[in-house]
């Protein structure tokens, strides 16, 4: 899946904040739109940070699907 597609999926449930420090380390912070819970992902590569956030979102949505049944 392309990064832009992953970002679109993330933006449905989360606010995204992407920043980079002086050493080139990227910080992607996602904030859940309903609960306000935050999670941060760090990587030197943009694609890796996006992928980690997308995998986290996938796990969280599967957890919530199981808890509802």
N, C-alpha and C. Protein backbone atom coordinates (compact mmCIF):
# COMPACT_ATOMS: atom_id res chain seq x y z
N UNK A 1 0.85 -1.17 0.00
CA UNK A 1 0.00 0.00 0.00
C UNK A 1 0.90 1.24 0.00
N UNK A 2 0.51 2.23 -0.74
CA UNK A 2 1.30 3.46 -0.83
C UNK A 2 1.14 4.31 0.44
N UNK A 3 2.16 5.12 0.67
CA UNK A 3 2.14 5.97 1.87
C UNK A 3 0.97 6.94 1.87
N UNK A 4 0.62 7.48 0.72
CA UNK A 4 -0.50 8.42 0.68
C UNK A 4 -1.81 7.74 1.06
N UNK A 5 -1.97 6.48 0.67
CA UNK A 5 -3.17 5.73 1.03
C UNK A 5 -3.19 5.47 2.54
N UNK A 6 -2.04 5.12 3.10
CA UNK A 6 -1.95 4.90 4.54
C UNK A 6 -2.29 6.18 5.30
N UNK A 7 -1.81 7.31 4.82
CA UNK A 7 -2.09 8.59 5.47
C UNK A 7 -3.59 8.89 5.43
N UNK A 8 -4.22 8.62 4.29
CA UNK A 8 -5.67 8.85 4.18
C UNK A 8 -6.43 8.02 5.20
N UNK A 9 -6.04 6.76 5.36
CA UNK A 9 -6.69 5.89 6.34
C UNK A 9 -6.45 6.40 7.77
N UNK A 10 -5.22 6.81 8.05
CA UNK A 10 -4.89 7.33 9.38
C UNK A 10 -5.71 8.58 9.70
N UNK A 11 -5.89 9.45 8.71
CA UNK A 11 -6.58 10.72 8.95
C UNK A 11 -8.07 10.55 9.25
N UNK A 12 -8.61 9.39 8.95
CA UNK A 12 -10.02 9.14 9.29
C UNK A 12 -10.19 9.09 10.81
N UNK A 13 -9.21 8.48 11.51
CA UNK A 13 -9.33 8.27 12.95
C UNK A 13 -8.40 9.14 13.80
N UNK A 14 -7.36 9.70 13.20
CA UNK A 14 -6.33 10.38 13.98
C UNK A 14 -5.97 11.74 13.38
N UNK A 15 -5.52 12.64 14.26
CA UNK A 15 -4.83 13.85 13.83
C UNK A 15 -3.35 13.48 13.74
N UNK A 16 -2.65 13.97 12.72
CA UNK A 16 -1.24 13.64 12.53
C UNK A 16 -0.38 14.88 12.71
N UNK A 17 0.77 14.70 13.36
CA UNK A 17 1.76 15.75 13.51
C UNK A 17 3.12 15.15 13.16
N UNK A 18 3.74 15.67 12.11
CA UNK A 18 5.03 15.17 11.67
C UNK A 18 6.07 16.27 11.82
N UNK A 19 7.16 15.94 12.51
CA UNK A 19 8.24 16.92 12.68
C UNK A 19 9.58 16.19 12.57
N UNK A 20 10.64 16.97 12.42
CA UNK A 20 11.98 16.40 12.31
C UNK A 20 12.93 17.22 13.16
N UNK A 21 13.78 16.52 13.92
CA UNK A 21 14.74 17.23 14.75
C UNK A 21 16.01 17.53 13.96
N UNK A 22 16.99 18.14 14.62
CA UNK A 22 18.22 18.55 13.95
C UNK A 22 19.07 17.39 13.44
N UNK A 23 18.87 16.21 14.04
CA UNK A 23 19.64 15.03 13.63
C UNK A 23 18.98 14.26 12.49
N UNK A 24 17.85 14.72 12.01
CA UNK A 24 17.15 14.07 10.92
C UNK A 24 16.19 12.98 11.36
N UNK A 25 15.94 12.89 12.65
CA UNK A 25 15.00 11.91 13.18
C UNK A 25 13.58 12.47 13.07
N UNK A 26 12.72 11.73 12.40
CA UNK A 26 11.34 12.18 12.23
C UNK A 26 10.48 11.67 13.36
N UNK A 27 9.59 12.52 13.82
CA UNK A 27 8.66 12.20 14.90
C UNK A 27 7.25 12.33 14.35
N UNK A 28 6.53 11.23 14.33
CA UNK A 28 5.14 11.24 13.90
C UNK A 28 4.28 10.98 15.12
N UNK A 29 3.47 11.95 15.48
CA UNK A 29 2.57 11.80 16.61
C UNK A 29 1.15 11.71 16.07
N UNK A 30 0.45 10.66 16.49
CA UNK A 30 -0.95 10.53 16.09
C UNK A 30 -1.81 10.71 17.34
N UNK A 31 -2.91 11.43 17.19
CA UNK A 31 -3.84 11.69 18.28
C UNK A 31 -5.21 11.20 17.86
N UNK A 32 -5.77 10.30 18.65
CA UNK A 32 -7.09 9.75 18.37
C UNK A 32 -8.12 10.87 18.44
N UNK A 33 -8.96 10.98 17.43
CA UNK A 33 -9.95 12.06 17.36
C UNK A 33 -11.04 11.92 18.41
N UNK A 34 -11.34 10.71 18.84
CA UNK A 34 -12.43 10.54 19.81
C UNK A 34 -11.94 10.49 21.25
N UNK A 35 -10.82 9.82 21.49
CA UNK A 35 -10.35 9.65 22.88
C UNK A 35 -9.25 10.63 23.28
N UNK A 36 -8.56 11.20 22.30
CA UNK A 36 -7.46 12.11 22.61
C UNK A 36 -6.17 11.40 22.95
N UNK A 37 -6.16 10.07 22.89
CA UNK A 37 -4.96 9.29 23.20
C UNK A 37 -3.90 9.53 22.13
N UNK A 38 -2.66 9.73 22.59
CA UNK A 38 -1.56 10.00 21.66
C UNK A 38 -0.56 8.86 21.64
N UNK A 39 0.06 8.69 20.47
CA UNK A 39 1.13 7.70 20.30
C UNK A 39 2.16 8.32 19.36
N UNK A 40 3.45 8.14 19.71
CA UNK A 40 4.51 8.73 18.89
C UNK A 40 5.36 7.64 18.27
N UNK A 41 5.75 7.86 17.02
CA UNK A 41 6.61 6.95 16.28
C UNK A 41 7.80 7.74 15.78
N UNK A 42 8.99 7.14 15.87
CA UNK A 42 10.21 7.82 15.46
C UNK A 42 10.97 6.96 14.46
N UNK A 43 11.56 7.61 13.47
CA UNK A 43 12.38 6.92 12.49
C UNK A 43 13.17 7.96 11.69
N UNK A 44 14.25 7.51 11.11
CA UNK A 44 15.01 8.40 10.22
C UNK A 44 14.38 8.43 8.83
N UNK A 45 13.46 7.51 8.57
CA UNK A 45 12.80 7.44 7.27
C UNK A 45 11.31 7.71 7.43
N UNK A 46 10.81 8.57 6.58
CA UNK A 46 9.40 8.96 6.57
C UNK A 46 8.49 7.75 6.39
N UNK A 47 8.82 6.88 5.44
CA UNK A 47 7.97 5.73 5.13
C UNK A 47 7.86 4.77 6.31
N UNK A 48 8.93 4.62 7.07
CA UNK A 48 8.92 3.71 8.22
C UNK A 48 8.00 4.26 9.31
N UNK A 49 8.06 5.54 9.57
CA UNK A 49 7.20 6.15 10.60
C UNK A 49 5.73 6.01 10.21
N UNK A 50 5.40 6.24 8.94
CA UNK A 50 4.03 6.10 8.47
C UNK A 50 3.57 4.65 8.59
N UNK A 51 4.44 3.71 8.22
CA UNK A 51 4.09 2.30 8.29
C UNK A 51 3.83 1.85 9.73
N UNK A 52 4.67 2.29 10.65
CA UNK A 52 4.48 1.94 12.06
C UNK A 52 3.15 2.48 12.59
N UNK A 53 2.82 3.70 12.23
CA UNK A 53 1.55 4.29 12.67
C UNK A 53 0.37 3.55 12.06
N UNK A 54 0.49 3.17 10.81
CA UNK A 54 -0.59 2.44 10.14
C UNK A 54 -0.80 1.07 10.78
N UNK A 55 0.29 0.38 11.09
CA UNK A 55 0.18 -0.93 11.75
C UNK A 55 -0.44 -0.79 13.15
N UNK A 56 -0.06 0.25 13.86
CA UNK A 56 -0.65 0.52 15.18
C UNK A 56 -2.15 0.74 15.05
N UNK A 57 -2.55 1.55 14.07
CA UNK A 57 -3.97 1.82 13.85
C UNK A 57 -4.71 0.52 13.53
N UNK A 58 -4.12 -0.32 12.71
CA UNK A 58 -4.76 -1.58 12.34
C UNK A 58 -4.97 -2.47 13.57
N UNK A 59 -3.97 -2.55 14.43
CA UNK A 59 -4.08 -3.36 15.65
C UNK A 59 -5.15 -2.79 16.58
N UNK A 60 -5.18 -1.49 16.72
CA UNK A 60 -6.15 -0.85 17.61
C UNK A 60 -7.58 -1.04 17.11
N UNK A 61 -7.78 -0.95 15.82
CA UNK A 61 -9.14 -1.14 15.30
C UNK A 61 -9.57 -2.60 15.43
N UNK A 62 -8.64 -3.54 15.28
CA UNK A 62 -8.98 -4.94 15.49
C UNK A 62 -9.33 -5.19 16.95
N UNK A 63 -8.59 -4.56 17.88
CA UNK A 63 -8.90 -4.70 19.31
C UNK A 63 -10.30 -4.20 19.62
N UNK A 64 -10.65 -3.04 19.07
CA UNK A 64 -11.95 -2.46 19.37
C UNK A 64 -13.07 -3.28 18.73
N UNK A 65 -12.80 -3.90 17.59
CA UNK A 65 -13.81 -4.76 16.95
C UNK A 65 -14.09 -5.97 17.83
N UNK A 66 -13.04 -6.55 18.43
CA UNK A 66 -13.23 -7.72 19.28
C UNK A 66 -13.88 -7.36 20.61
N UNK A 67 -13.62 -6.18 21.12
CA UNK A 67 -14.20 -5.81 22.40
C UNK A 67 -15.69 -5.50 22.30
N UNK A 68 -16.16 -5.17 21.11
CA UNK A 68 -17.57 -4.86 20.92
C UNK A 68 -18.43 -6.11 20.84
N UNK A 69 -17.83 -7.25 20.51
CA UNK A 69 -18.64 -8.48 20.36
C UNK A 69 -18.74 -9.26 21.63
